[in-house]
Amino acid sequence: MNHLPLLLLTLLLTASACKKEKTELEKLPDATQTGSGAGAFLLDGQAWLPDNSKTINIGGGGGGFLARWRRTKTGRALELTFGKYSDGTGLNIYLPDVRKIGTFQFDQQASIMLGDRNPAYGVYFMTKSLSIPRSFLTGPTATGTLTITRFDTVAHIVSGTFEMTVKEDKSPETHQLTHGRFDYPF
């Protein structure tokens, strides 16, 4: 008796029952340009996605994200916030004057004291379960870029990608944010 068909059927069933684990990059939402509200990045190689329920940004909306485009003394500032309420971490990105698609550099020193007069910057923060909140910023020694691929002031959609290194001011600790993407209504 030929056992080959039975062996092939067993192998086929065994192979289809195994689920392939997603890579960290596959855990991120697709890079879209529809205003889906998706945004995420790899933090030191691990998928970081905002919470779906709350945002930790003051005055922010639901879904763990917020995009705001507003007039300032220096131009039309765009602010993007990614929030993860569950672990008290988040990312704020500030661009001082956005009017069209393009690439923005994070390579200058930012200061909370400068407010709307800051250069473009990114800040990753940790607040939960810490006696002193920690902030990691871009700057001259921790650089990055953000590319806006869609900036639609009629449909109110901003989409793009980013990569950056952020460094804590009071220590040498750094973090790598890679494969960042966002597709936010504003």
C-alpha atoms as a PDB file:
ATOM      1  CA  MET A   1       0.000   0.000   0.000  1.00  0.00           C
ATOM      2  CA  ASN A   2       1.277   3.467  -0.930  1.00  0.00           C
ATOM      3  CA  HIS A   3       1.482   5.803   2.092  1.00  0.00           C
ATOM      4  CA  LEU A   4       2.703   8.796   0.074  1.00  0.00           C
ATOM      5  CA  PRO A   5      -0.755  10.494  -0.330  1.00  0.00           C
ATOM      6  CA  LEU A   6      -1.445  10.142   3.403  1.00  0.00           C
ATOM      7  CA  LEU A   7       1.992  11.533   4.272  1.00  0.00           C
ATOM      8  CA  LEU A   8       1.521  14.516   1.915  1.00  0.00           C
ATOM      9  CA  LEU A   9      -1.922  15.250   3.389  1.00  0.00           C
ATOM     10  CA  THR A  10      -0.504  15.134   6.931  1.00  0.00           C
ATOM     11  CA  LEU A  11       2.340  17.490   5.997  1.00  0.00           C
ATOM     12  CA  LEU A  12      -0.077  19.888   4.296  1.00  0.00           C
ATOM     13  CA  LEU A  13      -2.394  20.004   7.329  1.00  0.00           C
ATOM     14  CA  THR A  14       0.523  20.468   9.725  1.00  0.00           C
ATOM     15  CA  ALA A  15       1.999  23.318   7.670  1.00  0.00           C
ATOM     16  CA  SER A  16      -1.335  25.145   7.380  1.00  0.00           C
ATOM     17  CA  ALA A  17      -1.957  24.876  11.139  1.00  0.00           C
ATOM     18  CA  CYS A  18       1.269  26.770  11.973  1.00  0.00           C
ATOM     19  CA  LYS A  19       0.841  30.503  12.232  1.00  0.00           C
ATOM     20  CA  LYS A  20       3.808  32.634  11.345  1.00  0.00           C
ATOM     21  CA  GLU A  21       4.666  35.195  14.012  1.00  0.00           C
ATOM     22  CA  LYS A  22       4.551  38.778  12.762  1.00  0.00           C
ATOM     23  CA  THR A  23       7.811  40.669  12.692  1.00  0.00           C
ATOM     24  CA  GLU A  24       7.954  43.927  14.631  1.00  0.00           C
ATOM     25  CA  LEU A  25       7.712  45.863  11.359  1.00  0.00           C
ATOM     26  CA  GLU A  26       4.624  43.868  10.301  1.00  0.00           C
ATOM     27  CA  LYS A  27       2.898  44.899  13.561  1.00  0.00           C
ATOM     28  CA  LEU A  28       2.875  48.533  12.394  1.00  0.00           C
ATOM     29  CA  PRO A  29      -0.106  49.822  10.411  1.00  0.00           C
ATOM     30  CA  ASP A  30       0.344  50.210   6.687  1.00  0.00           C
ATOM     31  CA  ALA A  31       1.645  53.575   5.476  1.00  0.00           C
ATOM     32  CA  THR A  32      -1.558  55.072   4.055  1.00  0.00           C
ATOM     33  CA  GLN A  33      -2.698  58.535   2.964  1.00  0.00           C
ATOM     34  CA  THR A  34      -6.432  58.441   3.678  1.00  0.00           C
ATOM     35  CA  GLY A  35      -6.682  60.160   7.078  1.00  0.00           C
ATOM     36  CA  SER A  36      -7.159  56.795   8.806  1.00  0.00           C
ATOM     37  CA  GLY A  37      -5.803  58.009  12.155  1.00  0.00           C
ATOM     38  CA  ALA A  38      -3.025  55.423  12.109  1.00  0.00           C
ATOM     39  CA  GLY A  39       0.423  56.191  13.381  1.00  0.00           C
ATOM     40  CA  ALA A  40       3.233  54.107  14.853  1.00  0.00           C
ATOM     41  CA  PHE A  41       6.979  53.460  14.804  1.00  0.00           C
ATOM     42  CA  LEU A  42       9.654  51.054  15.939  1.00  0.00           C
ATOM     43  CA  LEU A  43      11.195  52.123  19.250  1.00  0.00           C
ATOM     44  CA  ASP A  44      14.627  50.536  19.502  1.00  0.00           C
ATOM     45  CA  GLY A  45      13.421  47.824  17.129  1.00  0.00           C
ATOM     46  CA  GLN A  46      10.126  47.098  18.945  1.00  0.00           C
ATOM     47  CA  ALA A  47       6.701  48.045  17.576  1.00  0.00           C
ATOM     48  CA  TRP A  48       5.212  51.067  19.375  1.00  0.00           C
ATOM     49  CA  LEU A  49       1.542  51.745  18.650  1.00  0.00           C
ATOM     50  CA  PRO A  50      -0.682  54.343  20.343  1.00  0.00           C
ATOM     51  CA  ASP A  51      -3.596  53.202  22.491  1.00  0.00           C
ATOM     52  CA  ASN A  52      -6.990  53.030  20.826  1.00  0.00           C
ATOM     53  CA  SER A  53      -8.869  54.362  23.840  1.00  0.00           C
ATOM     54  CA  LYS A  54      -7.192  57.464  25.260  1.00  0.00           C
ATOM     55  CA  THR A  55      -4.482  59.954  24.572  1.00  0.00           C
ATOM     56  CA  ILE A  56      -2.136  61.398  27.149  1.00  0.00           C
ATOM     57  CA  ASN A  57      -1.856  64.709  25.351  1.00  0.00           C
ATOM     58  CA  ILE A  58      -3.595  67.545  27.193  1.00  0.00           C
ATOM     59  CA  GLY A  59      -6.651  68.553  25.216  1.00  0.00           C
ATOM     60  CA  GLY A  60      -6.119  65.692  22.762  1.00  0.00           C
ATOM     61  CA  GLY A  61      -8.660  63.587  20.984  1.00  0.00           C
ATOM     62  CA  GLY A  62      -9.354  59.887  21.273  1.00  0.00           C
ATOM     63  CA  GLY A  63      -7.451  57.107  19.626  1.00  0.00           C
ATOM     64  CA  GLY A  64      -4.032  57.970  21.051  1.00  0.00           C
ATOM     65  CA  PHE A  65      -3.231  60.549  18.395  1.00  0.00           C
ATOM     66  CA  LEU A  66      -3.706  64.193  17.649  1.00  0.00           C
ATOM     67  CA  ALA A  67      -2.754  66.347  14.678  1.00  0.00           C
ATOM     68  CA  ARG A  68      -3.117  70.108  14.872  1.00  0.00           C
ATOM     69  CA  TRP A  69      -2.286  72.719  12.250  1.00  0.00           C
ATOM     70  CA  ARG A  70      -2.506  76.294  13.491  1.00  0.00           C
ATOM     71  CA  ARG A  71      -1.388  79.839  12.830  1.00  0.00           C
ATOM     72  CA  THR A  72       1.499  81.121  14.931  1.00  0.00           C
ATOM     73  CA  LYS A  73       3.726  84.194  14.823  1.00  0.00           C
ATOM     74  CA  THR A  74       6.302  82.224  12.831  1.00  0.00           C
ATOM     75  CA  GLY A  75       4.013  80.479  10.312  1.00  0.00           C
ATOM     76  CA  ARG A  76       1.593  77.546  10.205  1.00  0.00           C
ATOM     77  CA  ALA A  77       2.765  75.077  12.848  1.00  0.00           C
ATOM     78  CA  LEU A  78       1.950  71.375  12.607  1.00  0.00           C
ATOM     79  CA  GLU A  79       1.946  69.331  15.791  1.00  0.00           C
ATOM     80  CA  LEU A  80       1.627  65.543  15.822  1.00  0.00           C
ATOM     81  CA  THR A  81       1.110  63.573  19.025  1.00  0.00           C
ATOM     82  CA  PHE A  82       1.215  59.814  19.507  1.00  0.00           C
ATOM     83  CA  GLY A  83       0.035  58.708  22.972  1.00  0.00           C
ATOM     84  CA  LYS A  84       0.083  55.403  24.810  1.00  0.00           C
ATOM     85  CA  TYR A  85      -1.929  55.876  27.986  1.00  0.00           C
ATOM     86  CA  SER A  86      -1.371  52.274  29.095  1.00  0.00           C
ATOM     87  CA  ASP A  87       2.340  52.800  29.749  1.00  0.00           C
ATOM     88  CA  GLY A  88       2.531  56.613  29.928  1.00  0.00           C
ATOM     89  CA  THR A  89       4.736  57.082  26.878  1.00  0.00           C
ATOM     90  CA  GLY A  90       4.310  59.221  23.813  1.00  0.00           C
ATOM     91  CA  LEU A  91       5.860  61.168  21.005  1.00  0.00           C
ATOM     92  CA  ASN A  92       5.312  64.820  20.098  1.00  0.00           C
ATOM     93  CA  ILE A  93       6.537  66.213  16.802  1.00  0.00           C
ATOM     94  CA  TYR A  94       6.595  69.943  16.108  1.00  0.00           C
ATOM     95  CA  LEU A  95       7.112  71.572  12.699  1.00  0.00           C
ATOM     96  CA  PRO A  96       7.148  75.398  12.843  1.00  0.00           C
ATOM     97  CA  ASP A  97       5.871  76.183   9.339  1.00  0.00           C
ATOM     98  CA  VAL A  98       4.173  73.630   7.082  1.00  0.00           C
ATOM     99  CA  ARG A  99       2.445  74.664   3.887  1.00  0.00           C
ATOM    100  CA  LYS A 100       3.182  71.760   1.528  1.00  0.00           C
ATOM    101  CA  ILE A 101       4.714  68.294   1.279  1.00  0.00           C
ATOM    102  CA  GLY A 102       8.445  67.991   1.870  1.00  0.00           C
ATOM    103  CA  THR A 103      11.198  66.765   4.170  1.00  0.00           C
ATOM    104  CA  PHE A 104      11.936  68.436   7.490  1.00  0.00           C
ATOM    105  CA  GLN A 105      15.182  68.058   9.464  1.00  0.00           C
ATOM    106  CA  PHE A 106      15.412  67.523  13.210  1.00  0.00           C
ATOM    107  CA  ASP A 107      18.919  68.815  13.875  1.00  0.00           C
ATOM    108  CA  GLN A 108      18.591  71.989  15.940  1.00  0.00           C
ATOM    109  CA  GLN A 109      18.263  72.535  19.670  1.00  0.00           C
ATOM    110  CA  ALA A 110      14.685  72.932  20.911  1.00  0.00           C
ATOM    111  CA  SER A 111      13.638  74.483  24.218  1.00  0.00           C
ATOM    112  CA  ILE A 112      10.316  74.554  25.993  1.00  0.00           C
ATOM    113  CA  MET A 113      11.016  78.222  26.708  1.00  0.00           C
ATOM    114  CA  LEU A 114      10.905  79.069  22.969  1.00  0.00           C
ATOM    115  CA  GLY A 115       7.316  77.883  22.479  1.00  0.00           C
ATOM    116  CA  ASP A 116       6.175  78.557  18.904  1.00  0.00           C
ATOM    117  CA  ARG A 117       9.621  79.913  17.967  1.00  0.00           C
ATOM    118  CA  ASN A 118      11.206  76.446  18.198  1.00  0.00           C
ATOM    119  CA  PRO A 119      12.819  74.762  15.210  1.00  0.00           C
ATOM    120  CA  ALA A 120      11.417  71.407  14.040  1.00  0.00           C
ATOM    121  CA  TYR A 121      11.874  68.743  16.731  1.00  0.00           C
ATOM    122  CA  GLY A 122      10.659  65.451  18.106  1.00  0.00           C
ATOM    123  CA  VAL A 123      10.347  64.521  21.785  1.00  0.00           C
ATOM    124  CA  TYR A 124       9.714  61.035  23.140  1.00  0.00           C
ATOM    125  CA  PHE A 125       8.496  61.064  26.744  1.00  0.00           C
ATOM    126  CA  MET A 126       7.853  58.686  29.644  1.00  0.00           C
ATOM    127  CA  THR A 127       5.586  59.751  32.487  1.00  0.00           C
ATOM    128  CA  LYS A 128       3.865  56.777  34.139  1.00  0.00           C
ATOM    129  CA  SER A 129       5.333  55.181  37.266  1.00  0.00           C
ATOM    130  CA  LEU A 130       8.196  57.646  37.396  1.00  0.00           C
ATOM    131  CA  SER A 131       8.885  60.126  40.164  1.00  0.00           C
ATOM    132  CA  ILE A 132      10.391  62.458  37.570  1.00  0.00           C
ATOM    133  CA  PRO A 133       9.070  62.310  33.987  1.00  0.00           C
ATOM    134  CA  ARG A 134      11.742  61.726  31.348  1.00  0.00           C
ATOM    135  CA  SER A 135      12.043  63.449  27.961  1.00  0.00           C
ATOM    136  CA  PHE A 136      14.235  62.510  25.002  1.00  0.00           C
ATOM    137  CA  LEU A 137      14.650  65.145  22.276  1.00  0.00           C
ATOM    138  CA  THR A 138      16.106  65.515  18.836  1.00  0.00           C
ATOM    139  CA  GLY A 139      18.835  68.130  18.417  1.00  0.00           C
ATOM    140  CA  PRO A 140      22.349  68.674  17.074  1.00  0.00           C
ATOM    141  CA  THR A 141      23.606  65.330  18.459  1.00  0.00           C
ATOM    142  CA  ALA A 142      20.354  63.366  18.012  1.00  0.00           C
ATOM    143  CA  THR A 143      19.013  64.024  14.546  1.00  0.00           C
ATOM    144  CA  GLY A 144      16.249  62.815  12.302  1.00  0.00           C
ATOM    145  CA  THR A 145      13.922  63.596   9.426  1.00  0.00           C
ATOM    146  CA  LEU A 146      10.202  63.689   8.759  1.00  0.00           C
ATOM    147  CA  THR A 147       8.776  63.528   5.247  1.00  0.00           C
ATOM    148  CA  ILE A 148       5.228  64.697   4.611  1.00  0.00           C
ATOM    149  CA  THR A 149       3.865  62.746   1.634  1.00  0.00           C
ATOM    150  CA  ARG A 150       0.326  64.176   1.723  1.00  0.00           C
ATOM    151  CA  PHE A 151      -0.711  67.565   3.051  1.00  0.00           C
ATOM    152  CA  ASP A 152      -4.322  68.237   2.079  1.00  0.00           C
ATOM    153  CA  THR A 153      -5.798  71.418   3.587  1.00  0.00           C
ATOM    154  CA  VAL A 154      -9.181  70.759   1.948  1.00  0.00           C
ATOM    155  CA  ALA A 155      -9.666  67.170   3.186  1.00  0.00           C
ATOM    156  CA  HIS A 156      -7.628  68.001   6.340  1.00  0.00           C
ATOM    157  CA  ILE A 157      -5.252  65.029   6.030  1.00  0.00           C
ATOM    158  CA  VAL A 158      -1.533  64.881   6.775  1.00  0.00           C
ATOM    159  CA  SER A 159       0.476  61.726   6.080  1.00  0.00           C
ATOM    160  CA  GLY A 160       4.127  60.820   6.045  1.00  0.00           C
ATOM    161  CA  THR A 161       7.088  58.956   7.479  1.00  0.00           C
ATOM    162  CA  PHE A 162       9.873  59.691   9.955  1.00  0.00           C
ATOM    163  CA  GLU A 163      13.107  58.401  11.501  1.00  0.00           C
ATOM    164  CA  MET A 164      14.931  59.965  14.427  1.00  0.00           C
ATOM    165  CA  THR A 165      17.304  59.518  17.294  1.00  0.00           C
ATOM    166  CA  VAL A 166      16.243  61.110  20.577  1.00  0.00           C
ATOM    167  CA  LYS A 167      18.533  61.830  23.531  1.00  0.00           C
ATOM    168  CA  GLU A 168      17.849  62.639  27.154  1.00  0.00           C
ATOM    169  CA  ASP A 169      19.251  66.027  28.129  1.00  0.00           C
ATOM    170  CA  LYS A 170      20.544  64.903  31.535  1.00  0.00           C
ATOM    171  CA  SER A 171      22.087  61.580  30.491  1.00  0.00           C
ATOM    172  CA  PRO A 172      23.739  59.887  27.520  1.00  0.00           C
ATOM    173  CA  GLU A 173      20.706  57.607  27.009  1.00  0.00           C
ATOM    174  CA  THR A 174      19.302  57.580  23.473  1.00  0.00           C
ATOM    175  CA  HIS A 175      16.484  55.820  21.637  1.00  0.00           C
ATOM    176  CA  GLN A 176      16.050  55.041  17.952  1.00  0.00           C
ATOM    177  CA  LEU A 177      12.631  55.682  16.379  1.00  0.00           C
ATOM    178  CA  THR A 178      12.543  54.048  12.949  1.00  0.00           C
ATOM    179  CA  HIS A 179       9.961  53.176  10.293  1.00  0.00           C
ATOM    180  CA  GLY A 180       7.689  55.897  11.723  1.00  0.00           C
ATOM    181  CA  ARG A 181       4.487  56.574   9.857  1.00  0.00           C
ATOM    182  CA  PHE A 182       1.374  58.659  10.360  1.00  0.00           C
ATOM    183  CA  ASP A 183      -1.888  59.277   8.540  1.00  0.00           C
ATOM    184  CA  TYR A 184      -3.884  61.764  10.601  1.00  0.00           C
ATOM    185  CA  PRO A 185      -6.883  63.982  10.080  1.00  0.00           C
ATOM    186  CA  PHE A 186      -6.284  67.526  11.371  1.00  0.00           C
END
